[in-house]
Protein backbone atom coordinates (compact mmCIF):
# COMPACT_ATOMS: atom_id res chain seq x y z
CA UNK A 1 -5.40 -7.72 17.41
CA UNK A 2 -8.67 -6.66 17.46
CA UNK A 3 -11.54 -6.88 15.62
CA UNK A 4 -14.84 -4.28 15.64
CA UNK A 5 -17.82 -3.92 13.58
CA UNK A 6 -20.86 -2.02 12.55
CA UNK A 7 -23.92 -2.14 10.28
CA UNK A 8 -25.90 0.87 9.55
CA UNK A 9 -29.67 0.86 7.61
CA UNK A 10 -30.45 2.58 4.25
CA UNK A 11 -33.73 3.67 2.07
CA UNK A 12 -30.88 4.01 -0.65
CA UNK A 13 -29.83 1.85 -3.16
CA UNK A 14 -26.92 0.37 -2.65
CA UNK A 15 -25.39 2.08 -5.91
CA UNK A 16 -26.53 5.53 -4.39
CA UNK A 17 -25.19 4.36 -1.21
CA UNK A 18 -21.71 3.25 -3.33
CA UNK A 19 -21.81 6.88 -5.04
CA UNK A 20 -21.88 9.11 -2.17
CA UNK A 21 -19.35 6.45 -0.30
CA UNK A 22 -17.13 6.98 -3.05
CA UNK A 23 -17.18 10.70 -2.99
CA UNK A 24 -14.73 11.10 -0.29
CA UNK A 25 -15.41 14.89 -0.59
CA UNK A 26 -18.34 14.13 1.45
CA UNK A 27 -16.52 12.79 4.28
CA UNK A 28 -16.06 15.58 6.52
CA UNK A 29 -19.85 16.19 6.79
CA UNK A 30 -20.05 12.53 8.56
CA UNK A 31 -17.32 13.16 11.15
CA UNK A 32 -15.45 16.40 12.43
CA UNK A 33 -12.40 14.53 12.63
CA UNK A 34 -11.39 15.08 9.01
CA UNK A 35 -8.77 17.46 7.57
CA UNK A 36 -7.08 17.44 3.92
CA UNK A 37 -8.27 13.99 2.36
CA UNK A 38 -6.38 13.35 -1.56
CA UNK A 39 -5.69 10.14 -3.89
CA UNK A 40 -1.33 10.69 -3.72
CA UNK A 41 -1.18 7.51 -6.34
CA UNK A 42 -3.17 5.45 -9.23
CA UNK A 43 -7.07 5.80 -9.84
CA UNK A 44 -9.29 6.29 -6.98
CA UNK A 45 -11.23 3.04 -5.87
CA UNK A 46 -8.94 0.45 -7.20
CA UNK A 47 -6.83 -1.58 -5.95
CA UNK A 48 -3.13 -0.87 -5.30
CA UNK A 49 -4.25 3.08 -5.09
CA UNK A 50 -3.28 5.49 -2.14
CA UNK A 51 -5.00 7.69 -0.42
CA UNK A 52 -3.85 10.72 2.29
CA UNK A 53 -6.46 11.40 4.85
CA UNK A 54 -5.43 14.43 7.47
CA UNK A 55 -6.98 13.50 10.56
CA UNK A 56 -7.09 16.92 12.97
CA UNK A 57 -8.64 15.38 16.31
CA UNK A 58 -9.17 14.24 19.03
CA UNK A 59 -5.06 13.95 17.51
CA UNK A 60 -3.65 15.34 14.85
CA UNK A 61 -2.45 11.85 12.90
CA UNK A 62 -2.27 11.38 8.45
CA UNK A 63 -3.49 7.62 7.53
CA UNK A 64 -2.66 6.33 4.78
CA UNK A 65 -5.09 4.72 2.61
CA UNK A 66 -4.87 1.53 0.46
CA UNK A 67 -7.69 0.22 -1.90
CA UNK A 68 -6.82 -3.95 -1.66
CA UNK A 69 -10.64 -4.96 -3.14
CA UNK A 70 -12.92 -2.68 -4.94
CA UNK A 71 -15.80 -3.94 -6.40
CA UNK A 72 -18.54 -1.46 -6.70
CA UNK A 73 -21.40 -1.61 -6.13
CA UNK A 74 -21.15 -4.17 -3.56
CA UNK A 75 -17.68 -4.06 -1.19
CA UNK A 76 -14.40 -2.23 -1.10
CA UNK A 77 -11.19 -2.92 1.25
CA UNK A 78 -8.46 -1.34 2.37
CA UNK A 79 -5.53 -1.20 4.47
CA UNK A 80 -5.06 1.93 6.84
CA UNK A 81 -0.92 3.00 8.78
CA UNK A 82 -1.68 5.84 11.29
CA UNK A 83 -0.35 6.30 14.90
CA UNK A 84 2.24 3.07 14.33
CA UNK A 85 -1.53 0.66 13.87
CA UNK A 86 -2.48 -1.18 10.93
CA UNK A 87 -5.74 -1.49 9.84
CA UNK A 88 -7.47 -3.90 7.69
CA UNK A 89 -11.03 -2.94 6.96
CA UNK A 90 -14.20 -3.41 4.55
CA UNK A 91 -16.89 -1.62 3.60
CA UNK A 92 -20.00 -3.80 2.23
CA UNK A 93 -23.44 -2.62 1.11
CA UNK A 94 -26.00 -5.56 0.42
CA UNK A 95 -29.58 -4.74 -0.62
CA UNK A 96 -31.92 -6.24 1.37
CA UNK A 97 -35.52 -7.23 0.55
CA UNK A 98 -37.41 -3.98 1.49
CA UNK A 99 -35.53 -1.99 -0.67
CA UNK A 100 -33.00 -1.28 1.78
CA UNK A 101 -28.99 -1.39 2.15
CA UNK A 102 -27.49 -2.71 4.61
CA UNK A 103 -24.12 -1.29 5.17
CA UNK A 104 -21.99 -3.50 7.04
CA UNK A 105 -17.84 -2.79 7.64
CA UNK A 106 -15.53 -4.72 9.99
CA UNK A 107 -11.56 -3.59 10.55
CA UNK A 108 -8.70 -5.72 12.11
CA UNK A 109 -6.07 -3.31 13.80
CA UNK A 110 -2.52 -4.00 15.28
CA UNK A 111 -0.68 -2.43 17.27
CA UNK A 112 2.85 -1.89 16.43
CA UNK A 113 3.49 1.77 18.25
CA UNK A 114 3.55 1.30 22.64
CA UNK A 115 2.87 5.12 23.25
CA UNK A 116 -0.51 4.22 21.81
CA UNK A 117 -1.84 1.15 21.93
CA UNK A 118 -4.22 -1.07 19.98
CA UNK A 119 -6.92 -0.60 23.02
CA UNK A 120 -6.86 3.21 22.51
CA UNK A 121 -7.18 3.39 18.69
CA UNK A 122 -9.59 0.58 19.09
CA UNK A 123 -12.01 2.60 20.66
CA UNK A 124 -11.27 5.63 18.41
CA UNK A 125 -11.80 3.52 15.33
CA UNK A 126 -15.24 1.92 16.94
CA UNK A 127 -16.42 5.70 18.09
CA UNK A 128 -15.55 6.75 14.83
CA UNK A 129 -17.31 4.39 12.92
CA UNK A 130 -20.75 4.27 14.79
CA UNK A 131 -21.06 8.45 14.64
CA UNK A 132 -19.50 8.16 10.14
CA UNK A 133 -22.18 5.07 9.49
CA UNK A 134 -25.04 6.78 11.47
CA UNK A 135 -24.11 9.90 9.73
CA UNK A 136 -23.75 8.30 5.97
CA UNK A 137 -27.03 6.16 6.28
CA UNK A 138 -29.09 9.33 6.97
CA UNK A 139 -27.63 11.65 4.34
CA UNK A 140 -27.94 7.99 1.65
CA UNK A 141 -31.46 8.15 3.27
CA UNK A 142 -31.97 11.86 2.48
CA UNK A 143 -30.52 11.07 -1.34
CA UNK A 144 -33.04 8.24 -2.03
CA UNK A 145 -35.80 10.63 -1.17
CA UNK A 146 -34.90 13.97 -3.03
CA UNK A 147 -33.68 15.76 -0.57
CA UNK A 148 -30.54 17.96 -0.79
CA UNK A 149 -27.76 17.22 1.50
CA UNK A 150 -27.01 19.08 4.18
CA UNK A 151 -29.88 21.88 3.36
């Protein structure tokens, strides 16, 4: 098992950050690894709801994403299954005294498939987390400053 975490900061309020986070249609703008993303079961962002996420690079895969906890606009947690690995991940949105929001994520990864080790998987996830959350926080900053996204 491996534990990963990453923290980003945005000028946006937790509610604004949460609203952008929940609109998964923007996720491909934060990382080029995504293909098709869609909900397959339940009401989106409720415990037990399921999302399928197509990964197109660096290797093709499908992620089965099951929401376990969701408390808008404070936190969400899920369990992912992909490439023989299981990952529990949490994302929290914490209001800071200076008006910014701390966006923190952590994940625990367990490997089950020896063809794709936990180390390889965690290296991919670590790089992805940094890039995705940095891009996400930048987009939140744009919204907080009244700018159009991806103009």
